[in-house]
Each structure stands twice: as structure tokens, then as C-alpha cells.
């Protein structure tokens, strides 16, 4: 029994040290965000001319995605992609990228 105590306590301490955003994150958001990586970069840190998503306000991201979805904003690719997301998925993506730290 004492041999198991140290590994169990280590896991508890590690879990308590995780950032709250990691513990509260919906795993579906990370899956949805995979389709964004090709253009906006891993974790939303765009490597080039495409705007980064990381660190932008979730409301801003959600608004832009809704504008693409409803053709209020035009883009070669984003209109087609946004139409495939439900409102709940747009909210997940906005929260996912909006809560990541980094450049804006």
C-alpha cells in the first residue's frame, strides 16, 4: 500500500497544478480546431499573412465566424468552412482560441 501512495499523491498534485482552462476545456473544441491549423497555424498562431486566432476575444471570433457563415463577410475559404459549423461549434471554437495565451 505505501508503494502506491507516492504515485497517487504525485498525480493528485500534478492535477491540482494544471491550469483551469485545461481542466474545463471541451475536447470537441480541440477536434474542431484541427481544421483551422492548416491556415491559421497550430494553436491559432498564424505563421504568415493569415490573421492569428490565438488570444483574440471569443466574442470577436464568434462574430467573425457568424459573418462568414451568413455571407455578411466574404472570403474564398472561410464562407464554406463556417457554413459547416453549428452555432454551438462556433462558440466552442471561439472559446478555444480566445482563451489561449499569445499574440493578438
C-alpha atoms as a PDB file:
ATOM      1  CA  UNK A   1       0.000   0.000   0.000  1.00  0.00           C
ATOM      2  CA  UNK A   2       2.707   2.608   0.845  1.00  0.00           C
ATOM      3  CA  UNK A   3       4.338   1.911  -2.539  1.00  0.00           C
ATOM      4  CA  UNK A   4       1.197   3.199  -4.272  1.00  0.00           C
ATOM      5  CA  UNK A   5       0.825   6.239  -2.050  1.00  0.00           C
ATOM      6  CA  UNK A   6       3.622   8.306  -3.634  1.00  0.00           C
ATOM      7  CA  UNK A   7       2.493   7.821  -7.267  1.00  0.00           C
ATOM      8  CA  UNK A   8      -1.116   8.572  -6.337  1.00  0.00           C
ATOM      9  CA  UNK A   9      -0.168  11.711  -4.415  1.00  0.00           C
ATOM     10  CA  UNK A  10       2.055  12.789  -7.312  1.00  0.00           C
ATOM     11  CA  UNK A  11      -0.849  12.521  -9.735  1.00  0.00           C
ATOM     12  CA  UNK A  12      -3.106  14.497  -7.399  1.00  0.00           C
ATOM     13  CA  UNK A  13      -0.526  17.267  -7.072  1.00  0.00           C
ATOM     14  CA  UNK A  14       0.004  17.331 -10.846  1.00  0.00           C
ATOM     15  CA  UNK A  15      -3.751  17.538 -11.441  1.00  0.00           C
ATOM     16  CA  UNK A  16      -4.053  20.431  -8.969  1.00  0.00           C
ATOM     17  CA  UNK A  17      -1.301  22.318 -10.808  1.00  0.00           C
ATOM     18  CA  UNK A  18      -2.989  22.188 -14.221  1.00  0.00           C
ATOM     19  CA  UNK A  19      -4.376  25.490 -15.447  1.00  0.00           C
ATOM     20  CA  UNK A  20      -8.127  25.796 -15.001  1.00  0.00           C
ATOM     21  CA  UNK A  21      -8.619  26.329 -18.742  1.00  0.00           C
ATOM     22  CA  UNK A  22      -7.114  22.887 -19.427  1.00  0.00           C
ATOM     23  CA  UNK A  23      -9.391  21.202 -16.909  1.00  0.00           C
ATOM     24  CA  UNK A  24     -12.509  22.968 -18.178  1.00  0.00           C
ATOM     25  CA  UNK A  25     -11.796  22.637 -21.904  1.00  0.00           C
ATOM     26  CA  UNK A  26     -14.313  20.773 -24.006  1.00  0.00           C
ATOM     27  CA  UNK A  27     -12.406  18.124 -26.002  1.00  0.00           C
ATOM     28  CA  UNK A  28     -14.646  18.749 -29.031  1.00  0.00           C
ATOM     29  CA  UNK A  29     -13.126  22.223 -29.397  1.00  0.00           C
ATOM     30  CA  UNK A  30      -9.644  20.819 -29.996  1.00  0.00           C
ATOM     31  CA  UNK A  31     -11.013  18.432 -32.619  1.00  0.00           C
ATOM     32  CA  UNK A  32     -12.837  21.245 -34.415  1.00  0.00           C
ATOM     33  CA  UNK A  33      -9.730  23.445 -34.245  1.00  0.00           C
ATOM     34  CA  UNK A  34      -7.699  20.925 -36.230  1.00  0.00           C
ATOM     35  CA  UNK A  35      -9.289  22.202 -39.437  1.00  0.00           C
ATOM     36  CA  UNK A  36      -8.081  25.732 -38.621  1.00  0.00           C
ATOM     37  CA  UNK A  37      -4.418  24.744 -38.222  1.00  0.00           C
ATOM     38  CA  UNK A  38      -3.598  24.498 -41.924  1.00  0.00           C
ATOM     39  CA  UNK A  39      -4.150  28.230 -42.460  1.00  0.00           C
ATOM     40  CA  UNK A  40      -4.157  29.826 -39.009  1.00  0.00           C
ATOM     41  CA  UNK A  41      -1.322  27.717 -37.605  1.00  0.00           C
ATOM     42  CA  UNK A  42      -1.106  25.330 -34.717  1.00  0.00           C
ATOM     43  CA  UNK A  43      -2.961  26.720 -31.703  1.00  0.00           C
ATOM     44  CA  UNK A  44      -4.068  29.676 -33.812  1.00  0.00           C
ATOM     45  CA  UNK A  45      -0.606  31.232 -34.096  1.00  0.00           C
ATOM     46  CA  UNK A  46      -0.630  32.133 -37.760  1.00  0.00           C
ATOM     47  CA  UNK A  47       2.818  31.838 -39.335  1.00  0.00           C
ATOM     48  CA  UNK A  48       2.067  34.220 -42.193  1.00  0.00           C
ATOM     49  CA  UNK A  49      -0.361  36.733 -43.608  1.00  0.00           C
ATOM     50  CA  UNK A  50      -3.480  34.925 -42.376  1.00  0.00           C
ATOM     51  CA  UNK A  51      -4.759  36.503 -39.137  1.00  0.00           C
ATOM     52  CA  UNK A  52      -3.881  34.671 -35.922  1.00  0.00           C
ATOM     53  CA  UNK A  53      -6.755  33.417 -33.778  1.00  0.00           C
ATOM     54  CA  UNK A  54      -4.906  32.819 -30.544  1.00  0.00           C
ATOM     55  CA  UNK A  55      -5.682  35.361 -27.847  1.00  0.00           C
ATOM     56  CA  UNK A  56      -8.431  37.172 -29.762  1.00  0.00           C
ATOM     57  CA  UNK A  57     -11.596  37.819 -27.772  1.00  0.00           C
ATOM     58  CA  UNK A  58     -14.018  34.889 -28.024  1.00  0.00           C
ATOM     59  CA  UNK A  59     -16.850  37.298 -28.949  1.00  0.00           C
ATOM     60  CA  UNK A  60     -14.759  38.666 -31.821  1.00  0.00           C
ATOM     61  CA  UNK A  61     -14.007  35.187 -33.173  1.00  0.00           C
ATOM     62  CA  UNK A  62     -17.641  34.088 -32.873  1.00  0.00           C
ATOM     63  CA  UNK A  63     -18.867  37.254 -34.586  1.00  0.00           C
ATOM     64  CA  UNK A  64     -16.455  36.816 -37.498  1.00  0.00           C
ATOM     65  CA  UNK A  65     -17.386  33.158 -37.942  1.00  0.00           C
ATOM     66  CA  UNK A  66     -21.087  34.043 -37.916  1.00  0.00           C
ATOM     67  CA  UNK A  67     -20.430  36.768 -40.514  1.00  0.00           C
ATOM     68  CA  UNK A  68     -18.652  34.243 -42.746  1.00  0.00           C
ATOM     69  CA  UNK A  69     -21.440  31.710 -42.191  1.00  0.00           C
ATOM     70  CA  UNK A  70     -24.165  34.165 -43.241  1.00  0.00           C
ATOM     71  CA  UNK A  71     -22.138  35.684 -46.134  1.00  0.00           C
ATOM     72  CA  UNK A  72     -22.008  39.097 -44.444  1.00  0.00           C
ATOM     73  CA  UNK A  73     -18.222  38.826 -44.774  1.00  0.00           C
ATOM     74  CA  UNK A  74     -16.587  37.309 -47.823  1.00  0.00           C
ATOM     75  CA  UNK A  75     -13.610  35.027 -48.080  1.00  0.00           C
ATOM     76  CA  UNK A  76     -12.534  32.372 -50.529  1.00  0.00           C
ATOM     77  CA  UNK A  77     -12.394  29.597 -47.945  1.00  0.00           C
ATOM     78  CA  UNK A  78     -13.942  30.808 -44.694  1.00  0.00           C
ATOM     79  CA  UNK A  79     -17.501  31.132 -46.003  1.00  0.00           C
ATOM     80  CA  UNK A  80     -17.555  27.473 -46.980  1.00  0.00           C
ATOM     81  CA  UNK A  81     -15.980  26.318 -43.731  1.00  0.00           C
ATOM     82  CA  UNK A  82     -18.167  28.437 -41.445  1.00  0.00           C
ATOM     83  CA  UNK A  83     -21.360  27.160 -43.072  1.00  0.00           C
ATOM     84  CA  UNK A  84     -20.425  23.692 -41.812  1.00  0.00           C
ATOM     85  CA  UNK A  85     -20.364  24.739 -38.150  1.00  0.00           C
ATOM     86  CA  UNK A  86     -23.383  24.869 -35.879  1.00  0.00           C
ATOM     87  CA  UNK A  87     -23.756  27.859 -33.549  1.00  0.00           C
ATOM     88  CA  UNK A  88     -22.608  25.652 -30.656  1.00  0.00           C
ATOM     89  CA  UNK A  89     -19.485  24.607 -32.577  1.00  0.00           C
ATOM     90  CA  UNK A  90     -18.708  28.249 -33.388  1.00  0.00           C
ATOM     91  CA  UNK A  91     -18.966  29.049 -29.673  1.00  0.00           C
ATOM     92  CA  UNK A  92     -16.605  26.159 -28.862  1.00  0.00           C
ATOM     93  CA  UNK A  93     -14.049  27.348 -31.426  1.00  0.00           C
ATOM     94  CA  UNK A  94     -14.284  30.944 -30.227  1.00  0.00           C
ATOM     95  CA  UNK A  95     -13.703  29.910 -26.628  1.00  0.00           C
ATOM     96  CA  UNK A  96     -10.921  27.509 -27.605  1.00  0.00           C
ATOM     97  CA  UNK A  97      -8.851  30.112 -29.432  1.00  0.00           C
ATOM     98  CA  UNK A  98      -9.937  33.058 -27.313  1.00  0.00           C
ATOM     99  CA  UNK A  99      -8.659  31.531 -24.096  1.00  0.00           C
ATOM    100  CA  UNK A 100      -5.223  30.626 -25.453  1.00  0.00           C
ATOM    101  CA  UNK A 101      -2.444  32.992 -24.487  1.00  0.00           C
ATOM    102  CA  UNK A 102      -0.231  34.555 -27.115  1.00  0.00           C
ATOM    103  CA  UNK A 103      -0.021  37.339 -29.601  1.00  0.00           C
ATOM    104  CA  UNK A 104      -3.177  39.036 -30.819  1.00  0.00           C
END
